[in-house]
Amino acid sequence: MMRAYTIILQERVTFLKLKEYRSTYHQDVRDYVQTEELLRYTGTPQDNIAISATTPTHHSILVYEKNQLVCFFALDEGALKLQYSSEPSAFVLRSFSTDARYLRRGYGK
């Protein structure tokens, strides 16, 4: 899955690419910075990638801007979605985070 989106962030236009995790992105994920404070509120990319490896309904998504991994989230299309929606094609957004070096730049808006 690779899609490019044009997003306006803080009065600027940027291009973000969403990529489903593959092992070729391993180093980018290793370099992703999350502080202890941020980890109180979200799961790590590594934990979600491990879940995705064994659960086909759990998708680990990397968000890139100019070849830099800036955000991560997981899309869950498993039974959990039924707690929130009766829509059969719905996904639950899980574990959204922004690399600590890129906070306050509008990626989470």
PDB file of N, CA and C in Angstrom:
ATOM      1  N   MET A   1       0.846  -1.163   0.000  1.00  0.00           N
ATOM      2  CA  MET A   1       0.000   0.000   0.000  1.00  0.00           C
ATOM      3  C   MET A   1       0.900   1.237   0.000  1.00  0.00           C
ATOM      4  N   MET A   2       0.811   2.049  -1.008  1.00  0.00           N
ATOM      5  CA  MET A   2       1.589   3.285  -1.027  1.00  0.00           C
ATOM      6  C   MET A   2       0.738   4.352  -1.678  1.00  0.00           C
ATOM      7  N   ARG A   3       0.391   5.334  -0.887  1.00  0.00           N
ATOM      8  CA  ARG A   3      -0.431   6.418  -1.389  1.00  0.00           C
ATOM      9  C   ARG A   3       0.221   7.727  -1.004  1.00  0.00           C
ATOM     10  N   ALA A   4       0.104   8.710  -1.874  1.00  0.00           N
ATOM     11  CA  ALA A   4       0.628  10.038  -1.568  1.00  0.00           C
ATOM     12  C   ALA A   4      -0.551  10.976  -1.382  1.00  0.00           C
ATOM     13  N   TYR A   5      -0.471  11.825  -0.402  1.00  0.00           N
ATOM     14  CA  TYR A   5      -1.525  12.777  -0.117  1.00  0.00           C
ATOM     15  C   TYR A   5      -0.916  14.167  -0.036  1.00  0.00           C
ATOM     16  N   THR A   6      -1.652  15.140  -0.524  1.00  0.00           N
ATOM     17  CA  THR A   6      -1.243  16.527  -0.355  1.00  0.00           C
ATOM     18  C   THR A   6      -1.972  17.052   0.866  1.00  0.00           C
ATOM     19  N   ILE A   7      -1.242  17.530   1.828  1.00  0.00           N
ATOM     20  CA  ILE A   7      -1.811  17.986   3.085  1.00  0.00           C
ATOM     21  C   ILE A   7      -1.301  19.404   3.347  1.00  0.00           C
ATOM     22  N   ILE A   8      -2.173  20.250   3.874  1.00  0.00           N
ATOM     23  CA  ILE A   8      -1.729  21.581   4.288  1.00  0.00           C
ATOM     24  C   ILE A   8      -1.449  21.521   5.782  1.00  0.00           C
ATOM     25  N   LEU A   9      -0.222  21.783   6.163  1.00  0.00           N
ATOM     26  CA  LEU A   9       0.206  21.769   7.550  1.00  0.00           C
ATOM     27  C   LEU A   9       0.731  23.148   7.927  1.00  0.00           C
ATOM     28  N   GLN A  10       0.101  23.748   8.903  1.00  0.00           N
ATOM     29  CA  GLN A  10       0.539  25.048   9.417  1.00  0.00           C
ATOM     30  C   GLN A  10       0.882  26.016   8.292  1.00  0.00           C
ATOM     31  N   GLU A  11      -0.092  26.228   7.438  1.00  0.00           N
ATOM     32  CA  GLU A  11       0.039  27.224   6.372  1.00  0.00           C
ATOM     33  C   GLU A  11       1.029  26.841   5.271  1.00  0.00           C
ATOM     34  N   ARG A  12       1.427  25.590   5.190  1.00  0.00           N
ATOM     35  CA  ARG A  12       2.325  25.175   4.118  1.00  0.00           C
ATOM     36  C   ARG A  12       1.774  23.909   3.471  1.00  0.00           C
ATOM     37  N   VAL A  13       2.083  23.718   2.240  1.00  0.00           N
ATOM     38  CA  VAL A  13       1.644  22.518   1.535  1.00  0.00           C
ATOM     39  C   VAL A  13       2.784  21.515   1.578  1.00  0.00           C
ATOM     40  N   THR A  14       2.455  20.293   1.924  1.00  0.00           N
ATOM     41  CA  THR A  14       3.469  19.254   1.984  1.00  0.00           C
ATOM     42  C   THR A  14       2.901  17.970   1.381  1.00  0.00           C
ATOM     43  N   PHE A  15       3.750  17.076   1.001  1.00  0.00           N
ATOM     44  CA  PHE A  15       3.334  15.792   0.464  1.00  0.00           C
ATOM     45  C   PHE A  15       3.728  14.713   1.455  1.00  0.00           C
ATOM     46  N   LEU A  16       2.736  13.964   1.880  1.00  0.00           N
ATOM     47  CA  LEU A  16       2.976  12.871   2.797  1.00  0.00           C
ATOM     48  C   LEU A  16       2.732  11.559   2.065  1.00  0.00           C
ATOM     49  N   LYS A  17       3.553  10.582   2.347  1.00  0.00           N
ATOM     50  CA  LYS A  17       3.364   9.251   1.776  1.00  0.00           C
ATOM     51  C   LYS A  17       3.035   8.293   2.909  1.00  0.00           C
ATOM     52  N   LEU A  18       1.990   7.514   2.705  1.00  0.00           N
ATOM     53  CA  LEU A  18       1.616   6.476   3.658  1.00  0.00           C
ATOM     54  C   LEU A  18       2.092   5.143   3.099  1.00  0.00           C
ATOM     55  N   LYS A  19       2.859   4.426   3.910  1.00  0.00           N
ATOM     56  CA  LYS A  19       3.413   3.149   3.460  1.00  0.00           C
ATOM     57  C   LYS A  19       3.139   2.089   4.506  1.00  0.00           C
ATOM     58  N   GLU A  20       2.616   0.954   4.072  1.00  0.00           N
ATOM     59  CA  GLU A  20       2.458  -0.153   4.998  1.00  0.00           C
ATOM     60  C   GLU A  20       3.847  -0.722   5.284  1.00  0.00           C
ATOM     61  N   TYR A  21       4.084  -1.070   6.545  1.00  0.00           N
ATOM     62  CA  TYR A  21       5.425  -1.514   6.956  1.00  0.00           C
ATOM     63  C   TYR A  21       5.896  -2.718   6.160  1.00  0.00           C
ATOM     64  N   ARG A  22       7.132  -2.659   5.762  1.00  0.00           N
ATOM     65  CA  ARG A  22       7.885  -3.764   5.159  1.00  0.00           C
ATOM     66  C   ARG A  22       9.243  -3.783   5.848  1.00  0.00           C
ATOM     67  N   SER A  23       9.916  -4.903   5.803  1.00  0.00           N
ATOM     68  CA  SER A  23      11.215  -5.019   6.489  1.00  0.00           C
ATOM     69  C   SER A  23      12.247  -4.038   5.941  1.00  0.00           C
ATOM     70  N   THR A  24      12.058  -3.558   4.730  1.00  0.00           N
ATOM     71  CA  THR A  24      13.005  -2.570   4.178  1.00  0.00           C
ATOM     72  C   THR A  24      12.958  -1.245   4.945  1.00  0.00           C
ATOM     73  N   TYR A  25      11.917  -1.029   5.747  1.00  0.00           N
ATOM     74  CA  TYR A  25      11.790   0.199   6.538  1.00  0.00           C
ATOM     75  C   TYR A  25      12.282   0.007   7.975  1.00  0.00           C
ATOM     76  N   HIS A  26      12.892  -1.128   8.250  1.00  0.00           N
ATOM     77  CA  HIS A  26      13.317  -1.471   9.610  1.00  0.00           C
ATOM     78  C   HIS A  26      14.184  -0.373  10.251  1.00  0.00           C
ATOM     79  N   GLN A  27      15.175   0.124   9.532  1.00  0.00           N
ATOM     80  CA  GLN A  27      16.072   1.130  10.112  1.00  0.00           C
ATOM     81  C   GLN A  27      15.326   2.430  10.410  1.00  0.00           C
ATOM     82  N   ASP A  28      14.408   2.822   9.556  1.00  0.00           N
ATOM     83  CA  ASP A  28      13.618   4.029   9.815  1.00  0.00           C
ATOM     84  C   ASP A  28      12.845   3.888  11.121  1.00  0.00           C
ATOM     85  N   VAL A  29      12.273   2.719  11.352  1.00  0.00           N
ATOM     86  CA  VAL A  29      11.518   2.485  12.583  1.00  0.00           C
ATOM     87  C   VAL A  29      12.465   2.472  13.786  1.00  0.00           C
ATOM     88  N   ARG A  30      13.631   1.894  13.634  1.00  0.00           N
ATOM     89  CA  ARG A  30      14.621   1.912  14.741  1.00  0.00           C
ATOM     90  C   ARG A  30      15.028   3.326  15.105  1.00  0.00           C
ATOM     91  N   ASP A  31      15.093   4.207  14.105  1.00  0.00           N
ATOM     92  CA  ASP A  31      15.509   5.591  14.335  1.00  0.00           C
ATOM     93  C   ASP A  31      14.380   6.488  14.841  1.00  0.00           C
ATOM     94  N   TYR A  32      13.156   5.992  14.842  1.00  0.00           N
ATOM     95  CA  TYR A  32      11.970   6.743  15.263  1.00  0.00           C
ATOM     96  C   TYR A  32      12.069   7.029  16.760  1.00  0.00           C
ATOM     97  N   VAL A  33      11.880   8.272  17.164  1.00  0.00           N
ATOM     98  CA  VAL A  33      12.083   8.681  18.558  1.00  0.00           C
ATOM     99  C   VAL A  33      10.749   8.898  19.259  1.00  0.00           C
ATOM    100  N   GLN A  34      10.562   8.178  20.365  1.00  0.00           N
ATOM    101  CA  GLN A  34       9.417   8.386  21.246  1.00  0.00           C
ATOM    102  C   GLN A  34       9.934   8.532  22.662  1.00  0.00           C
ATOM    103  N   THR A  35       9.495   9.564  23.348  1.00  0.00           N
ATOM    104  CA  THR A  35       9.918   9.785  24.731  1.00  0.00           C
ATOM    105  C   THR A  35       9.059   8.946  25.675  1.00  0.00           C
ATOM    106  N   GLU A  36       9.522   8.785  26.902  1.00  0.00           N
ATOM    107  CA  GLU A  36       8.743   8.054  27.909  1.00  0.00           C
ATOM    108  C   GLU A  36       7.385   8.720  28.109  1.00  0.00           C
ATOM    109  N   GLU A  37       7.359  10.038  28.079  1.00  0.00           N
ATOM    110  CA  GLU A  37       6.085  10.759  28.243  1.00  0.00           C
ATOM    111  C   GLU A  37       5.109  10.403  27.119  1.00  0.00           C
ATOM    112  N   LEU A  38       5.588  10.387  25.884  1.00  0.00           N
ATOM    113  CA  LEU A  38       4.720  10.047  24.755  1.00  0.00           C
ATOM    114  C   LEU A  38       4.230   8.606  24.838  1.00  0.00           C
ATOM    115  N   LEU A  39       5.064   7.726  25.359  1.00  0.00           N
ATOM    116  CA  LEU A  39       4.701   6.313  25.431  1.00  0.00           C
ATOM    117  C   LEU A  39       3.613   6.025  26.466  1.00  0.00           C
ATOM    118  N   ARG A  40       3.301   6.998  27.316  1.00  0.00           N
ATOM    119  CA  ARG A  40       2.179   6.836  28.249  1.00  0.00           C
ATOM    120  C   ARG A  40       0.851   6.797  27.506  1.00  0.00           C
ATOM    121  N   TYR A  41       0.817   7.381  26.306  1.00  0.00           N
ATOM    122  CA  TYR A  41      -0.435   7.574  25.583  1.00  0.00           C
ATOM    123  C   TYR A  41      -0.587   6.704  24.338  1.00  0.00           C
ATOM    124  N   THR A  42       0.453   6.017  23.924  1.00  0.00           N
ATOM    125  CA  THR A  42       0.373   5.271  22.674  1.00  0.00           C
ATOM    126  C   THR A  42       1.312   4.073  22.700  1.00  0.00           C
ATOM    127  N   GLY A  43       1.077   3.144  21.786  1.00  0.00           N
ATOM    128  CA  GLY A  43       1.956   1.994  21.646  1.00  0.00           C
ATOM    129  C   GLY A  43       3.134   2.326  20.744  1.00  0.00           C
ATOM    130  N   THR A  44       4.127   1.485  20.767  1.00  0.00           N
ATOM    131  CA  THR A  44       5.308   1.715  19.935  1.00  0.00           C
ATOM    132  C   THR A  44       5.100   1.132  18.540  1.00  0.00           C
ATOM    133  N   PRO A  45       5.779   1.689  17.548  1.00  0.00           N
ATOM    134  CA  PRO A  45       5.741   1.070  16.221  1.00  0.00           C
ATOM    135  C   PRO A  45       6.204  -0.388  16.270  1.00  0.00           C
ATOM    136  N   GLN A  46       7.238  -0.676  17.047  1.00  0.00           N
ATOM    137  CA  GLN A  46       7.769  -2.039  17.113  1.00  0.00           C
ATOM    138  C   GLN A  46       6.717  -3.025  17.618  1.00  0.00           C
ATOM    139  N   ASP A  47       5.974  -2.638  18.658  1.00  0.00           N
ATOM    140  CA  ASP A  47       4.927  -3.518  19.193  1.00  0.00           C
ATOM    141  C   ASP A  47       3.842  -3.759  18.142  1.00  0.00           C
ATOM    142  N   ASN A  48       3.451  -2.707  17.447  1.00  0.00           N
ATOM    143  CA  ASN A  48       2.408  -2.842  16.430  1.00  0.00           C
ATOM    144  C   ASN A  48       2.886  -3.645  15.228  1.00  0.00           C
ATOM    145  N   ILE A  49       4.123  -3.476  14.857  1.00  0.00           N
ATOM    146  CA  ILE A  49       4.685  -4.243  13.738  1.00  0.00           C
ATOM    147  C   ILE A  49       4.691  -5.735  14.090  1.00  0.00           C
ATOM    148  N   ALA A  50       5.005  -6.042  15.334  1.00  0.00           N
ATOM    149  CA  ALA A  50       4.976  -7.441  15.777  1.00  0.00           C
ATOM    150  C   ALA A  50       3.559  -8.002  15.700  1.00  0.00           C
ATOM    151  N   ILE A  51       2.573  -7.212  16.072  1.00  0.00           N
ATOM    152  CA  ILE A  51       1.175  -7.648  15.969  1.00  0.00           C
ATOM    153  C   ILE A  51       0.810  -7.861  14.505  1.00  0.00           C
ATOM    154  N   SER A  52       1.203  -6.921  13.653  1.00  0.00           N
ATOM    155  CA  SER A  52       0.892  -7.025  12.219  1.00  0.00           C
ATOM    156  C   SER A  52       1.489  -8.279  11.586  1.00  0.00           C
ATOM    157  N   ALA A  53       2.627  -8.710  12.091  1.00  0.00           N
ATOM    158  CA  ALA A  53       3.297  -9.888  11.531  1.00  0.00           C
ATOM    159  C   ALA A  53       2.482 -11.161  11.733  1.00  0.00           C
ATOM    160  N   THR A  54       1.638 -11.179  12.754  1.00  0.00           N
ATOM    161  CA  THR A  54       0.862 -12.388  13.046  1.00  0.00           C
ATOM    162  C   THR A  54      -0.652 -12.193  12.897  1.00  0.00           C
ATOM    163  N   THR A  55      -1.076 -10.954  12.657  1.00  0.00           N
ATOM    164  CA  THR A  55      -2.502 -10.647  12.577  1.00  0.00           C
ATOM    165  C   THR A  55      -2.783  -9.918  11.272  1.00  0.00           C
ATOM    166  N   PRO A  56      -3.346 -10.591  10.294  1.00  0.00           N
ATOM    167  CA  PRO A  56      -3.538  -9.976   8.973  1.00  0.00           C
ATOM    168  C   PRO A  56      -4.517  -8.808   8.952  1.00  0.00           C
ATOM    169  N   THR A  57      -5.297  -8.620  10.008  1.00  0.00           N
ATOM    170  CA  THR A  57      -6.238  -7.499  10.058  1.00  0.00           C
ATOM    171  C   THR A  57      -5.651  -6.270  10.746  1.00  0.00           C
ATOM    172  N   HIS A  58      -4.391  -6.332  11.117  1.00  0.00           N
ATOM    173  CA  HIS A  58      -3.696  -5.230  11.806  1.00  0.00           C
ATOM    174  C   HIS A  58      -2.613  -4.701  10.861  1.00  0.00           C
ATOM    175  N   HIS A  59      -2.733  -3.453  10.451  1.00  0.00           N
ATOM    176  CA  HIS A  59      -1.828  -2.873   9.457  1.00  0.00           C
ATOM    177  C   HIS A  59      -0.999  -1.746  10.071  1.00  0.00           C
ATOM    178  N   SER A  60       0.308  -1.881  10.032  1.00  0.00           N
ATOM    179  CA  SER A  60       1.218  -0.847  10.544  1.00  0.00           C
ATOM    180  C   SER A  60       1.539   0.119   9.408  1.00  0.00           C
ATOM    181  N   ILE A  61       1.228   1.393   9.624  1.00  0.00           N
ATOM    182  CA  ILE A  61       1.346   2.412   8.583  1.00  0.00           C
ATOM    183  C   ILE A  61       2.404   3.439   8.976  1.00  0.00           C
ATOM    184  N   LEU A  62       3.329   3.679   8.066  1.00  0.00           N
ATOM    185  CA  LEU A  62       4.378   4.672   8.263  1.00  0.00           C
ATOM    186  C   LEU A  62       4.027   5.909   7.441  1.00  0.00           C
ATOM    187  N   VAL A  63       4.238   7.079   8.030  1.00  0.00           N
ATOM    188  CA  VAL A  63       3.951   8.345   7.350  1.00  0.00           C
ATOM    189  C   VAL A  63       5.282   9.053   7.098  1.00  0.00           C
ATOM    190  N   TYR A  64       5.565   9.289   5.826  1.00  0.00           N
ATOM    191  CA  TYR A  64       6.822   9.915   5.424  1.00  0.00           C
ATOM    192  C   TYR A  64       6.574  11.297   4.852  1.00  0.00           C
ATOM    193  N   GLU A  65       7.462  12.210   5.171  1.00  0.00           N
ATOM    194  CA  GLU A  65       7.540  13.502   4.503  1.00  0.00           C
ATOM    195  C   GLU A  65       8.985  13.655   4.026  1.00  0.00           C
ATOM    196  N   LYS A  66       9.152  13.838   2.743  1.00  0.00           N
ATOM    197  CA  LYS A  66      10.489  13.987   2.154  1.00  0.00           C
ATOM    198  C   LYS A  66      11.440  12.890   2.621  1.00  0.00           C
ATOM    199  N   ASN A  67      11.023  11.664   2.499  1.00  0.00           N
ATOM    200  CA  ASN A  67      11.828  10.490   2.847  1.00  0.00           C
ATOM    201  C   ASN A  67      12.180  10.383   4.329  1.00  0.00           C
ATOM    202  N   GLN A  68      11.496  11.135   5.175  1.00  0.00           N
ATOM    203  CA  GLN A  68      11.723  11.062   6.621  1.00  0.00           C
ATOM    204  C   GLN A  68      10.464  10.506   7.284  1.00  0.00           C
ATOM    205  N   LEU A  69      10.622   9.464   8.091  1.00  0.00           N
ATOM    206  CA  LEU A  69       9.505   8.916   8.845  1.00  0.00           C
ATOM    207  C   LEU A  69       9.129   9.909   9.938  1.00  0.00           C
ATOM    208  N   VAL A  70       7.919  10.471   9.866  1.00  0.00           N
ATOM    209  CA  VAL A  70       7.501  11.486  10.826  1.00  0.00           C
ATOM    210  C   VAL A  70       6.377  11.023  11.738  1.00  0.00           C
ATOM    211  N   CYS A  71       5.559  10.074  11.293  1.00  0.00           N
ATOM    212  CA  CYS A  71       4.445   9.582  12.101  1.00  0.00           C
ATOM    213  C   CYS A  71       4.244   8.094  11.861  1.00  0.00           C
ATOM    214  N   PHE A  72       3.533   7.511  12.788  1.00  0.00           N
ATOM    215  CA  PHE A  72       3.193   6.090  12.706  1.00  0.00           C
ATOM    216  C   PHE A  72       1.777   5.907  13.233  1.00  0.00           C
ATOM    217  N   PHE A  73       1.044   4.963  12.655  1.00  0.00           N
ATOM    218  CA  PHE A  73      -0.224   4.530  13.229  1.00  0.00           C
ATOM    219  C   PHE A  73      -0.538   3.127  12.739  1.00  0.00           C
ATOM    220  N   ALA A  74      -1.491   2.506  13.391  1.00  0.00           N
ATOM    221  CA  ALA A  74      -1.956   1.193  12.968  1.00  0.00           C
ATOM    222  C   ALA A  74      -3.430   1.295  12.603  1.00  0.00           C
ATOM    223  N   LEU A  75      -3.816   0.543  11.594  1.00  0.00           N
ATOM    224  CA  LEU A  75      -5.216   0.412  11.211  1.00  0.00           C
ATOM    225  C   LEU A  75      -5.644  -1.009  11.535  1.00  0.00           C
ATOM    226  N   ASP A  76      -6.693  -1.123  12.331  1.00  0.00           N
ATOM    227  CA  ASP A  76      -7.181  -2.426  12.766  1.00  0.00           C
ATOM    228  C   ASP A  76      -8.549  -2.664  12.126  1.00  0.00           C
ATOM    229  N   GLU A  77      -8.633  -3.699  11.302  1.00  0.00           N
ATOM    230  CA  GLU A  77      -9.910  -4.032  10.673  1.00  0.00           C
ATOM    231  C   GLU A  77     -10.516  -5.283  11.290  1.00  0.00           C
ATOM    232  N   GLY A  78     -10.043  -5.648  12.476  1.00  0.00           N
ATOM    233  CA  GLY A  78     -10.544  -6.836  13.169  1.00  0.00           C
ATOM    234  C   GLY A  78     -11.839  -6.563  13.911  1.00  0.00           C
ATOM    235  N   ALA A  79     -12.199  -7.467  14.793  1.00  0.00           N
ATOM    236  CA  ALA A  79     -13.473  -7.423  15.507  1.00  0.00           C
ATOM    237  C   ALA A  79     -13.627  -6.185  16.388  1.00  0.00           C
ATOM    238  N   LEU A  80     -12.525  -5.580  16.807  1.00  0.00           N
ATOM    239  CA  LEU A  80     -12.595  -4.386  17.648  1.00  0.00           C
ATOM    240  C   LEU A  80     -13.471  -3.301  17.021  1.00  0.00           C
ATOM    241  N   LYS A  81     -13.453  -3.205  15.711  1.00  0.00           N
ATOM    242  CA  LYS A  81     -14.217  -2.147  15.031  1.00  0.00           C
ATOM    243  C   LYS A  81     -15.713  -2.252  15.318  1.00  0.00           C
ATOM    244  N   LEU A  82     -16.195  -3.450  15.613  1.00  0.00           N
ATOM    245  CA  LEU A  82     -17.619  -3.640  15.864  1.00  0.00           C
ATOM    246  C   LEU A  82     -18.081  -2.968  17.149  1.00  0.00           C
ATOM    247  N   GLN A  83     -17.144  -2.632  18.023  1.00  0.00           N
ATOM    248  CA  GLN A  83     -17.476  -1.879  19.232  1.00  0.00           C
ATOM    249  C   GLN A  83     -17.777  -0.414  18.916  1.00  0.00           C
ATOM    250  N   TYR A  84     -17.316   0.053  17.753  1.00  0.00           N
ATOM    251  CA  TYR A  84     -17.430   1.461  17.400  1.00  0.00           C
ATOM    252  C   TYR A  84     -18.299   1.725  16.181  1.00  0.00           C
ATOM    253  N   SER A  85     -18.490   0.731  15.336  1.00  0.00           N
ATOM    254  CA  SER A  85     -19.185   0.949  14.079  1.00  0.00           C
ATOM    255  C   SER A  85     -19.837  -0.337  13.587  1.00  0.00           C
ATOM    256  N   SER A  86     -20.948  -0.185  12.896  1.00  0.00           N
ATOM    257  CA  SER A  86     -21.575  -1.336  12.250  1.00  0.00           C
ATOM    258  C   SER A  86     -21.162  -1.424  10.784  1.00  0.00           C
ATOM    259  N   GLU A  87     -20.318  -0.501  10.353  1.00  0.00           N
ATOM    260  CA  GLU A  87     -19.833  -0.467   8.968  1.00  0.00           C
ATOM    261  C   GLU A  87     -18.821  -1.596   8.762  1.00  0.00           C
ATOM    262  N   PRO A  88     -19.095  -2.539   7.864  1.00  0.00           N
ATOM    263  CA  PRO A  88     -18.193  -3.685   7.690  1.00  0.00           C
ATOM    264  C   PRO A  88     -16.821  -3.338   7.121  1.00  0.00           C
ATOM    265  N   SER A  89     -16.698  -2.216   6.443  1.00  0.00           N
ATOM    266  CA  SER A  89     -15.394  -1.850   5.877  1.00  0.00           C
ATOM    267  C   SER A  89     -14.643  -0.834   6.737  1.00  0.00           C
ATOM    268  N   ALA A  90     -15.091  -0.628   7.969  1.00  0.00           N
ATOM    269  CA  ALA A  90     -14.455   0.344   8.868  1.00  0.00           C
ATOM    270  C   ALA A  90     -13.098  -0.177   9.368  1.00  0.00           C
ATOM    271  N   PHE A  91     -12.270   0.763   9.779  1.00  0.00           N
ATOM    272  CA  PHE A  91     -10.992   0.479  10.428  1.00  0.00           C
ATOM    273  C   PHE A  91     -10.954   1.255  11.741  1.00  0.00           C
ATOM    274  N   VAL A  92     -10.240   0.751  12.718  1.00  0.00           N
ATOM    275  CA  VAL A  92      -9.987   1.481  13.956  1.00  0.00           C
ATOM    276  C   VAL A  92      -8.559   2.013  13.879  1.00  0.00           C
ATOM    277  N   LEU A  93      -8.407   3.308  14.110  1.00  0.00           N
ATOM    278  CA  LEU A  93      -7.083   3.931  14.144  1.00  0.00           C
ATOM    279  C   LEU A  93      -6.491   3.687  15.522  1.00  0.00           C
ATOM    280  N   ARG A  94      -5.290   3.107  15.546  1.00  0.00           N
ATOM    281  CA  ARG A  94      -4.643   2.779  16.819  1.00  0.00           C
ATOM    282  C   ARG A  94      -3.210   3.302  16.842  1.00  0.00           C
ATOM    283  N   SER A  95      -2.735   3.577  18.033  1.00  0.00           N
ATOM    284  CA  SER A  95      -1.319   3.866  18.284  1.00  0.00           C
ATOM    285  C   SER A  95      -0.741   4.979  17.418  1.00  0.00           C
ATOM    286  N   PHE A  96      -1.521   6.032  17.183  1.00  0.00           N
ATOM    287  CA  PHE A  96      -0.975   7.149  16.413  1.00  0.00           C
ATOM    288  C   PHE A  96       0.115   7.832  17.230  1.00  0.00           C
ATOM    289  N   SER A  97       1.223   8.135  16.568  1.00  0.00           N
ATOM    290  CA  SER A  97       2.290   8.894  17.229  1.00  0.00           C
ATOM    291  C   SER A  97       3.066   9.692  16.193  1.00  0.00           C
ATOM    292  N   THR A  98       3.739  10.704  16.692  1.00  0.00           N
ATOM    293  CA  THR A  98       4.644  11.514  15.887  1.00  0.00           C
ATOM    294  C   THR A  98       6.031  11.381  16.485  1.00  0.00           C
ATOM    295  N   ASP A  99       7.023  11.201  15.648  1.00  0.00           N
ATOM    296  CA  ASP A  99       8.414  11.172  16.096  1.00  0.00           C
ATOM    297  C   ASP A  99       8.653  12.437  16.932  1.00  0.00           C
ATOM    298  N   ALA A 100       9.243  12.275  18.104  1.00  0.00           N
ATOM    299  CA  ALA A 100       9.438  13.398  19.036  1.00  0.00           C
ATOM    300  C   ALA A 100      10.181  14.570  18.399  1.00  0.00           C
ATOM    301  N   ARG A 101      11.003  14.299  17.414  1.00  0.00           N
ATOM    302  CA  ARG A 101      11.750  15.380  16.759  1.00  0.00           C
ATOM    303  C   ARG A 101      10.874  16.217  15.834  1.00  0.00           C
ATOM    304  N   TYR A 102       9.643  15.751  15.566  1.00  0.00           N
ATOM    305  CA  TYR A 102       8.767  16.438  14.611  1.00  0.00           C
ATOM    306  C   TYR A 102       7.448  16.868  15.243  1.00  0.00           C
ATOM    307  N   LEU A 103       7.400  16.928  16.568  1.00  0.00           N
ATOM    308  CA  LEU A 103       6.186  17.380  17.254  1.00  0.00           C
ATOM    309  C   LEU A 103       5.928  18.859  16.969  1.00  0.00           C
ATOM    310  N   ARG A 104       4.677  19.243  17.131  1.00  0.00           N
ATOM    311  CA  ARG A 104       4.219  20.635  17.001  1.00  0.00           C
ATOM    312  C   ARG A 104       4.410  21.195  15.587  1.00  0.00           C
ATOM    313  N   ARG A 105       4.302  20.319  14.608  1.00  0.00           N
ATOM    314  CA  ARG A 105       4.396  20.749  13.204  1.00  0.00           C
ATOM    315  C   ARG A 105       3.101  20.467  12.461  1.00  0.00           C
ATOM    316  N   GLY A 106       2.070  20.065  13.191  1.00  0.00           N
ATOM    317  CA  GLY A 106       0.757  19.877  12.598  1.00  0.00           C
ATOM    318  C   GLY A 106       0.456  18.511  12.046  1.00  0.00           C
ATOM    319  N   TYR A 107       1.323  17.521  12.249  1.00  0.00           N
ATOM    320  CA  TYR A 107       1.080  16.199  11.682  1.00  0.00           C
ATOM    321  C   TYR A 107      -0.123  15.508  12.315  1.00  0.00           C
ATOM    322  N   GLY A 108      -0.407  15.778  13.568  1.00  0.00           N
ATOM    323  CA  GLY A 108      -1.504  15.111  14.253  1.00  0.00           C
ATOM    324  C   GLY A 108      -2.848  15.781  14.088  1.00  0.00           C
ATOM    325  N   LYS A 109      -2.914  16.856  13.362  1.00  0.00           N
ATOM    326  CA  LYS A 109      -4.190  17.581  13.197  1.00  0.00           C
ATOM    327  C   LYS A 109      -5.112  16.858  12.268  1.00  0.00           C
TER     328      LYS A 109
END
